[in-house]
C-alpha atoms as a PDB file:
ATOM      1  CA  MET A   1      86.922 128.870  85.966  1.00  0.00           C
ATOM      2  CA  ALA A   2      90.271 130.187  87.194  1.00  0.00           C
ATOM      3  CA  TYR A   3      91.935 129.535  90.499  1.00  0.00           C
ATOM      4  CA  SER A   4      95.097 131.242  91.628  1.00  0.00           C
ATOM      5  CA  SER A   5      95.664 128.327  93.982  1.00  0.00           C
ATOM      6  CA  THR A   6      93.258 125.843  95.506  1.00  0.00           C
ATOM      7  CA  THR A   7      94.587 122.943  97.583  1.00  0.00           C
ATOM      8  CA  LEU A   8      92.611 119.719  97.836  1.00  0.00           C
ATOM      9  CA  LEU A   9      93.843 117.715 100.823  1.00  0.00           C
ATOM     10  CA  ALA A  10      93.896 113.967 100.195  1.00  0.00           C
ATOM     11  CA  ASP A  11      93.389 111.021 102.539  1.00  0.00           C
ATOM     12  CA  LYS A  12      91.829 113.024 105.358  1.00  0.00           C
ATOM     13  CA  GLU A  13      91.084 109.764 107.168  1.00  0.00           C
ATOM     14  CA  HIS A  14      94.605 108.410 106.835  1.00  0.00           C
ATOM     15  CA  ALA A  15      95.973 105.456 108.807  1.00  0.00           C
ATOM     16  CA  GLY A  16      97.306 107.625 111.629  1.00  0.00           C
ATOM     17  CA  ILE A  17      93.846 109.009 112.332  1.00  0.00           C
ATOM     18  CA  ARG A  18      92.157 105.617 111.963  1.00  0.00           C
ATOM     19  CA  VAL A  19      94.469 104.260 114.664  1.00  0.00           C
ATOM     20  CA  SER A  20      94.445 107.301 116.943  1.00  0.00           C
ATOM     21  CA  VAL A  21      90.680 107.861 117.185  1.00  0.00           C
ATOM     22  CA  PRO A  22      89.824 104.358 118.520  1.00  0.00           C
ATOM     23  CA  ALA A  23      92.756 104.594 120.929  1.00  0.00           C
ATOM     24  CA  ILE A  24      91.494 107.967 122.214  1.00  0.00           C
ATOM     25  CA  TRP A  25      87.989 106.525 122.589  1.00  0.00           C
ATOM     26  CA  ILE A  26      89.230 103.530 124.610  1.00  0.00           C
ATOM     27  CA  VAL A  27      91.438 105.634 126.897  1.00  0.00           C
ATOM     28  CA  SER A  28      88.710 108.224 127.477  1.00  0.00           C
ATOM     29  CA  PHE A  29      86.169 105.471 128.223  1.00  0.00           C
ATOM     30  CA  ILE A  30      88.460 103.995 130.884  1.00  0.00           C
ATOM     31  CA  ILE A  31      89.123 107.419 132.430  1.00  0.00           C
ATOM     32  CA  PHE A  32      85.439 108.395 132.537  1.00  0.00           C
ATOM     33  CA  TYR A  33      84.502 104.968 133.872  1.00  0.00           C
ATOM     34  CA  PHE A  34      86.799 105.268 136.888  1.00  0.00           C
ATOM     35  CA  ILE A  35      85.829 108.896 137.506  1.00  0.00           C
ATOM     36  CA  ILE A  36      82.105 108.090 137.532  1.00  0.00           C
ATOM     37  CA  LYS A  37      82.570 104.897 139.527  1.00  0.00           C
ATOM     38  CA  GLY A  38      84.687 106.736 142.083  1.00  0.00           C
ATOM     39  CA  LEU A  39      81.928 109.305 142.557  1.00  0.00           C
ATOM     40  CA  LEU A  40      79.211 106.662 142.865  1.00  0.00           C
ATOM     41  CA  ASP A  41      81.239 104.521 145.290  1.00  0.00           C
ATOM     42  CA  ASN A  42      81.298 107.435 147.717  1.00  0.00           C
ATOM     43  CA  LEU A  43      77.512 107.584 147.900  1.00  0.00           C
ATOM     44  CA  PRO A  44      75.758 105.973 150.883  1.00  0.00           C
ATOM     45  CA  PRO A  45      74.540 102.386 150.388  1.00  0.00           C
ATOM     46  CA  GLY A  46      70.954 101.674 149.406  1.00  0.00           C
ATOM     47  CA  GLY A  47      70.821 104.220 146.571  1.00  0.00           C
ATOM     48  CA  ILE A  48      72.135 104.539 143.036  1.00  0.00           C
ATOM     49  CA  GLY A  49      75.599 103.785 144.384  1.00  0.00           C
ATOM     50  CA  ASP A  50      74.588 100.111 144.427  1.00  0.00           C
ATOM     51  CA  TYR A  51      74.531 100.227 140.636  1.00  0.00           C
ATOM     52  CA  ALA A  52      77.919 101.876 140.303  1.00  0.00           C
ATOM     53  CA  LEU A  53      79.339  99.341 137.840  1.00  0.00           C
ATOM     54  CA  ALA A  54      76.462  99.540 135.346  1.00  0.00           C
ATOM     55  CA  LEU A  55      75.977 103.288 135.696  1.00  0.00           C
ATOM     56  CA  SER A  56      79.696 103.906 135.230  1.00  0.00           C
ATOM     57  CA  CYS A  57      79.654 102.028 131.908  1.00  0.00           C
ATOM     58  CA  VAL A  58      76.450 103.751 130.763  1.00  0.00           C
ATOM     59  CA  GLY A  59      77.811 107.179 131.696  1.00  0.00           C
ATOM     60  CA  ALA A  60      81.294 106.673 130.291  1.00  0.00           C
ATOM     61  CA  LEU A  61      80.087 105.480 126.870  1.00  0.00           C
ATOM     62  CA  PRO A  62      78.474 108.677 125.518  1.00  0.00           C
ATOM     63  CA  LEU A  63      81.171 110.865 127.056  1.00  0.00           C
ATOM     64  CA  SER A  64      83.970 108.850 125.447  1.00  0.00           C
ATOM     65  CA  LEU A  65      82.126 108.747 122.109  1.00  0.00           C
ATOM     66  CA  GLY A  66      81.851 112.523 122.264  1.00  0.00           C
ATOM     67  CA  ILE A  67      85.583 112.840 122.955  1.00  0.00           C
ATOM     68  CA  GLY A  68      86.315 110.447 120.084  1.00  0.00           C
ATOM     69  CA  ALA A  69      84.138 112.409 117.645  1.00  0.00           C
ATOM     70  CA  ALA A  70      85.679 115.725 118.705  1.00  0.00           C
ATOM     71  CA  SER A  71      89.185 114.251 118.408  1.00  0.00           C
ATOM     72  CA  GLU A  72      88.460 112.968 114.905  1.00  0.00           C
ATOM     73  CA  TYR A  73      87.124 116.374 113.864  1.00  0.00           C
ATOM     74  CA  ILE A  74      90.223 118.150 115.171  1.00  0.00           C
ATOM     75  CA  LEU A  75      92.736 115.593 113.887  1.00  0.00           C
ATOM     76  CA  LYS A  76      91.352 115.710 110.344  1.00  0.00           C
ATOM     77  CA  ARG A  77      92.028 119.439 110.279  1.00  0.00           C
ATOM     78  CA  GLN A  78      95.310 119.518 112.160  1.00  0.00           C
ATOM     79  CA  TRP A  79      97.003 116.298 110.989  1.00  0.00           C
ATOM     80  CA  PRO A  80      97.131 116.149 107.170  1.00  0.00           C
ATOM     81  CA  SER A  81      98.298 113.029 105.385  1.00  0.00           C
ATOM     82  CA  GLY A  82     101.010 114.911 103.495  1.00  0.00           C
ATOM     83  CA  ARG A  83      99.343 114.257 100.133  1.00  0.00           C
ATOM     84  CA  ALA A  84      97.307 116.821  98.217  1.00  0.00           C
ATOM     85  CA  VAL A  85      96.379 118.192  94.800  1.00  0.00           C
ATOM     86  CA  LYS A  86      96.982 121.901  94.235  1.00  0.00           C
ATOM     87  CA  LEU A  87      94.975 123.470  91.403  1.00  0.00           C
ATOM     88  CA  GLY A  88      96.505 126.486  89.692  1.00  0.00           C
ATOM     89  CA  ASN A  89      96.086 128.623  86.594  1.00  0.00           C
ATOM     90  CA  ASN A  90      98.899 126.901  84.688  1.00  0.00           C
ATOM     91  CA  GLY A  91      98.280 123.358  85.841  1.00  0.00           C
ATOM     92  CA  LEU A  92      97.930 121.167  88.877  1.00  0.00           C
ATOM     93  CA  THR A  93     100.557 119.923  91.313  1.00  0.00           C
ATOM     94  CA  VAL A  94     100.282 116.554  93.019  1.00  0.00           C
ATOM     95  CA  ILE A  95     101.992 116.710  96.406  1.00  0.00           C
ATOM     96  CA  ARG A  96     103.123 113.261  97.525  1.00  0.00           C
ATOM     97  CA  LYS A  97     104.556 112.482 100.936  1.00  0.00           C
ATOM     98  CA  ASP A  98     108.207 111.355 100.749  1.00  0.00           C
ATOM     99  CA  GLU A  99     108.071 111.468  96.932  1.00  0.00           C
ATOM    100  CA  GLU A 100     108.763 114.054  94.267  1.00  0.00           C
ATOM    101  CA  ASP A 101     105.816 116.271  93.362  1.00  0.00           C
ATOM    102  CA  ILE A 102     104.077 115.813  90.014  1.00  0.00           C
ATOM    103  CA  PHE A 103     103.160 118.811  87.864  1.00  0.00           C
ATOM    104  CA  VAL A 104     100.560 118.488  85.102  1.00  0.00           C
ATOM    105  CA  GLU A 105     100.325 121.414  82.674  1.00  0.00           C
ATOM    106  CA  TRP A 106      96.956 122.464  81.340  1.00  0.00           C
ATOM    107  CA  ALA A 107      98.538 123.449  78.018  1.00  0.00           C
ATOM    108  CA  LYS A 108      99.998 119.986  77.284  1.00  0.00           C
ATOM    109  CA  ARG A 109      98.328 116.789  76.161  1.00  0.00           C
ATOM    110  CA  ALA A 110      97.126 114.518  78.947  1.00  0.00           C
ATOM    111  CA  ASN A 111      95.160 111.277  79.003  1.00  0.00           C
ATOM    112  CA  GLN A 112      92.305 110.721  81.419  1.00  0.00           C
ATOM    113  CA  LEU A 113      90.577 107.532  82.598  1.00  0.00           C
ATOM    114  CA  LEU A 114      87.372 107.553  84.620  1.00  0.00           C
ATOM    115  CA  TRP A 115      85.820 104.461  86.189  1.00  0.00           C
ATOM    116  CA  PHE A 116      83.541 103.426  89.020  1.00  0.00           C
ATOM    117  CA  PHE A 117      82.371 100.314  90.864  1.00  0.00           C
ATOM    118  CA  PRO A 118      79.958  99.359  93.664  1.00  0.00           C
ATOM    119  CA  LEU A 119      81.359  98.742  97.136  1.00  0.00           C
ATOM    120  CA  LYS A 120      79.682  95.378  97.603  1.00  0.00           C
ATOM    121  CA  GLY A 121      80.205  91.716  96.801  1.00  0.00           C
ATOM    122  CA  TYR A 122      83.806  91.563  98.006  1.00  0.00           C
ATOM    123  CA  PRO A 123      85.655  91.737 101.369  1.00  0.00           C
ATOM    124  CA  ARG A 124      86.240  95.436 101.933  1.00  0.00           C
ATOM    125  CA  GLY A 125      88.947  96.945 104.105  1.00  0.00           C
ATOM    126  CA  GLY A 126      90.141 100.333 105.339  1.00  0.00           C
ATOM    127  CA  ARG A 127      87.985 103.301 104.395  1.00  0.00           C
ATOM    128  CA  GLU A 128      85.799 101.203 102.094  1.00  0.00           C
ATOM    129  CA  ARG A 129      84.550  99.201 105.053  1.00  0.00           C
ATOM    130  CA  ARG A 130      83.499 102.332 106.938  1.00  0.00           C
ATOM    131  CA  VAL A 131      80.900 103.386 104.360  1.00  0.00           C
ATOM    132  CA  PRO A 132      77.662 101.637 103.304  1.00  0.00           C
ATOM    133  CA  GLY A 133      77.970  98.825 100.775  1.00  0.00           C
ATOM    134  CA  SER A 134      75.410 100.607  98.601  1.00  0.00           C
ATOM    135  CA  TRP A 135      77.929 103.395  97.908  1.00  0.00           C
ATOM    136  CA  LEU A 136      80.177 103.682  94.860  1.00  0.00           C
ATOM    137  CA  CYS A 137      83.870 104.332  94.344  1.00  0.00           C
ATOM    138  CA  LEU A 138      84.555 106.882  91.589  1.00  0.00           C
ATOM    139  CA  ALA A 139      88.135 107.175  90.361  1.00  0.00           C
ATOM    140  CA  CYS A 140      90.147 109.222  87.883  1.00  0.00           C
ATOM    141  CA  GLN A 141      93.630 108.632  86.484  1.00  0.00           C
ATOM    142  CA  VAL A 142      95.484 111.449  84.754  1.00  0.00           C
ATOM    143  CA  GLN A 143      98.684 110.798  82.804  1.00  0.00           C
ATOM    144  CA  GLN A 144     100.914 113.340  81.109  1.00  0.00           C
ATOM    145  CA  ASP A 145     104.204 112.166  79.595  1.00  0.00           C
ATOM    146  CA  ASN A 146     105.748 109.863  82.213  1.00  0.00           C
ATOM    147  CA  HIS A 147     103.796 111.343  85.109  1.00  0.00           C
ATOM    148  CA  ARG A 148     100.673 109.624  86.383  1.00  0.00           C
ATOM    149  CA  PHE A 149      98.447 109.893  89.435  1.00  0.00           C
ATOM    150  CA  ILE A 150      95.046 108.648  90.601  1.00  0.00           C
ATOM    151  CA  VAL A 151      92.408 110.294  92.780  1.00  0.00           C
ATOM    152  CA  PHE A 152      89.139 108.773  93.937  1.00  0.00           C
ATOM    153  CA  THR A 153      86.198 109.296  96.243  1.00  0.00           C
ATOM    154  CA  LEU A 154      83.478 107.244  97.931  1.00  0.00           C
ATOM    155  CA  MET A 155      79.882 108.450  97.740  1.00  0.00           C
ATOM    156  CA  SER A 156      76.259 107.364  97.643  1.00  0.00           C
ATOM    157  CA  LYS A 157      74.589 106.476  94.351  1.00  0.00           C
ATOM    158  CA  LYS A 158      72.340 109.517  94.671  1.00  0.00           C
ATOM    159  CA  LEU A 159      75.281 111.924  94.933  1.00  0.00           C
ATOM    160  CA  ALA A 160      77.262 110.038  92.284  1.00  0.00           C
ATOM    161  CA  GLN A 161      74.510 110.052  89.663  1.00  0.00           C
ATOM    162  CA  PRO A 162      75.069 113.644  88.439  1.00  0.00           C
ATOM    163  CA  LEU A 163      78.791 112.928  87.980  1.00  0.00           C
ATOM    164  CA  LEU A 164      78.123 109.638  86.172  1.00  0.00           C
ATOM    165  CA  GLU A 165      75.772 111.459  83.803  1.00  0.00           C
ATOM    166  CA  LYS A 166      78.119 114.388  83.186  1.00  0.00           C
ATOM    167  CA  TYR A 167      81.427 112.549  82.776  1.00  0.00           C
ATOM    168  CA  ARG A 168      82.387 109.346  80.947  1.00  0.00           C
ATOM    169  CA  PHE A 169      82.854 106.962  83.863  1.00  0.00           C
ATOM    170  CA  HIS A 170      83.336 103.336  82.841  1.00  0.00           C
ATOM    171  CA  PRO A 171      81.735 100.667  85.085  1.00  0.00           C
ATOM    172  CA  ILE A 172      83.781  97.760  86.468  1.00  0.00           C
ATOM    173  CA  ASN A 173      82.906  95.242  89.161  1.00  0.00           C
ATOM    174  CA  LEU A 174      85.420  93.961  91.710  1.00  0.00           C
ATOM    175  CA  ALA A 175      82.907  91.355  92.885  1.00  0.00           C
ATOM    176  CA  ASP A 176      83.493  89.439  89.629  1.00  0.00           C
ATOM    177  CA  PHE A 177      86.788  88.194  91.048  1.00  0.00           C
ATOM    178  CA  TYR A 178      85.548  87.045  94.452  1.00  0.00           C
ATOM    179  CA  ASP A 179      83.390  84.239  95.787  1.00  0.00           C
ATOM    180  CA  THR A 180      79.708  84.981  95.206  1.00  0.00           C
ATOM    181  CA  ASN A 181      78.846  84.090  98.826  1.00  0.00           C
ATOM    182  CA  ALA A 182      78.188  87.502 100.430  1.00  0.00           C
ATOM    183  CA  VAL A 183      78.477  86.182 103.992  1.00  0.00           C
ATOM    184  CA  LYS A 184      81.785  84.469 103.222  1.00  0.00           C
ATOM    185  CA  ASN A 185      83.122  87.632 101.622  1.00  0.00           C
ATOM    186  CA  TRP A 186      82.046  89.735 104.621  1.00  0.00           C
ATOM    187  CA  LEU A 187      83.858  87.364 106.987  1.00  0.00           C
ATOM    188  CA  SER A 188      86.958  87.087 104.783  1.00  0.00           C
ATOM    189  CA  THR A 189      90.139  89.015 105.426  1.00  0.00           C
ATOM    190  CA  PRO A 190      90.161  92.177 103.265  1.00  0.00           C
ATOM    191  CA  SER A 191      92.332  91.593 100.217  1.00  0.00           C
ATOM    192  CA  ARG A 192      92.699  92.578  96.592  1.00  0.00           C
ATOM    193  CA  PRO A 193      92.115  89.967  93.885  1.00  0.00           C
ATOM    194  CA  SER A 194      94.619  88.626  91.415  1.00  0.00           C
ATOM    195  CA  LEU A 195      93.439  89.974  88.085  1.00  0.00           C
ATOM    196  CA  PRO A 196      93.660  87.452  85.213  1.00  0.00           C
ATOM    197  CA  SER A 197      95.965  88.394  82.352  1.00  0.00           C
ATOM    198  CA  ASN A 198      93.142  88.292  79.793  1.00  0.00           C
ATOM    199  CA  MET A 199      91.387  91.062  81.725  1.00  0.00           C
ATOM    200  CA  LEU A 200      94.494  93.233  81.796  1.00  0.00           C
ATOM    201  CA  THR A 201      95.092  92.866  78.063  1.00  0.00           C
ATOM    202  CA  GLY A 202      91.454  92.997  76.972  1.00  0.00           C
ATOM    203  CA  LYS A 203      89.198  95.896  76.103  1.00  0.00           C
ATOM    204  CA  GLU A 204      88.804  96.874  79.746  1.00  0.00           C
ATOM    205  CA  GLY A 205      92.504  96.362  80.478  1.00  0.00           C
ATOM    206  CA  PRO A 206      93.369 100.053  80.955  1.00  0.00           C
ATOM    207  CA  TYR A 207      90.653 100.428  83.583  1.00  0.00           C
ATOM    208  CA  TRP A 208      91.684  97.309  85.507  1.00  0.00           C
ATOM    209  CA  LEU A 209      95.352  98.310  85.393  1.00  0.00           C
ATOM    210  CA  ALA A 210      94.390 101.750  86.705  1.00  0.00           C
ATOM    211  CA  GLU A 211      92.247 100.180  89.431  1.00  0.00           C
ATOM    212  CA  ARG A 212      95.136  97.959  90.489  1.00  0.00           C
ATOM    213  CA  ARG A 213      97.367 101.021  90.709  1.00  0.00           C
ATOM    214  CA  ARG A 214      94.687 102.813  92.738  1.00  0.00           C
ATOM    215  CA  TRP A 215      95.066 100.200  95.489  1.00  0.00           C
ATOM    216  CA  HIS A 216      98.648 101.364  96.042  1.00  0.00           C
ATOM    217  CA  GLU A 217      98.838 104.916  94.709  1.00  0.00           C
ATOM    218  CA  GLY A 218      95.307 106.303  94.859  1.00  0.00           C
ATOM    219  CA  MET A 219      94.613 109.473  96.830  1.00  0.00           C
ATOM    220  CA  GLU A 220      91.155 109.826  98.343  1.00  0.00           C
ATOM    221  CA  LEU A 221      89.431 113.201  98.053  1.00  0.00           C
ATOM    222  CA  THR A 222      86.229 114.319  99.710  1.00  0.00           C
ATOM    223  CA  LYS A 223      83.114 114.294  97.533  1.00  0.00           C
ATOM    224  CA  LYS A 224      83.202 118.069  97.174  1.00  0.00           C
ATOM    225  CA  ASP A 225      86.917 118.190  96.312  1.00  0.00           C
ATOM    226  CA  PHE A 226      86.631 115.310  93.826  1.00  0.00           C
ATOM    227  CA  ASN A 227      83.868 117.186  92.019  1.00  0.00           C
ATOM    228  CA  LEU A 228      85.993 120.356  91.965  1.00  0.00           C
ATOM    229  CA  PHE A 229      88.941 118.343  90.641  1.00  0.00           C
ATOM    230  CA  LEU A 230      86.836 116.909  87.790  1.00  0.00           C
ATOM    231  CA  GLN A 231      85.522 120.370  86.898  1.00  0.00           C
ATOM    232  CA  ASN A 232      89.042 121.735  86.553  1.00  0.00           C
ATOM    233  CA  VAL A 233      90.462 118.808  84.610  1.00  0.00           C
ATOM    234  CA  ASP A 234      87.464 118.663  82.282  1.00  0.00           C
ATOM    235  CA  GLN A 235      87.406 122.394  81.668  1.00  0.00           C
ATOM    236  CA  HIS A 236      91.078 122.871  80.923  1.00  0.00           C
ATOM    237  CA  PHE A 237      91.516 119.794  78.747  1.00  0.00           C
ATOM    238  CA  ALA A 238      88.189 120.341  76.993  1.00  0.00           C
ATOM    239  CA  GLU A 239      89.308 123.819  76.014  1.00  0.00           C
ATOM    240  CA  LEU A 240      92.137 122.188  74.045  1.00  0.00           C
ATOM    241  CA  ASN A 241      89.990 119.234  72.976  1.00  0.00           C
ATOM    242  CA  LEU A 242      92.500 116.926  74.650  1.00  0.00           C
ATOM    243  CA  SER A 243      90.295 114.870  76.963  1.00  0.00           C
ATOM    244  CA  ASP A 244      90.717 111.155  76.407  1.00  0.00           C
END
């Protein structure tokens, strides 16, 4: 499978979009509310104008939600995060905002770690909180010489199953480091756990170290792009029998 150049945009729902979309929704709701209420207030008494307050809220809600959804759709395509993975014939380039790009050559040795965990049993935040708790996080770390990067995606178990069967993903469980009370975890402030030293130096240490780095460095890809990324990495390193 050869690609002259394929760019996988990362973090499509970055912080700027997550802040802007709710703000657009609130502003549009207020605008539509006053527009509708102004129209209803001008109607003669004894009709639907008597219910102007309730009808204005009911009318403004779907209109503002529509504006919010349209804004999110447009922003995701017009406002990139500045981070991406570019797949090429000679290797891949990791484009990082405000940092030097990373280039990984297909012809050189590289180590790969694959792991996954369920998105439940711990206080989630950010993008993780916006998807069902039954979903999984699948992640991949690639390291070549002193260069290292991590990509991940969030998807349902049904969509993840073919990838888990095809590639060597190692299971971990973040919930092991949180209180077992699900309600307490749901109400807790989203945070990352302090990983005990015996976990970091044990058999699963490389995966937990990679997961800890993912919290700060990880780049989220869409399900489709993550699959395409795995296909390229697996194919090129498998050809040289270099996959870890």
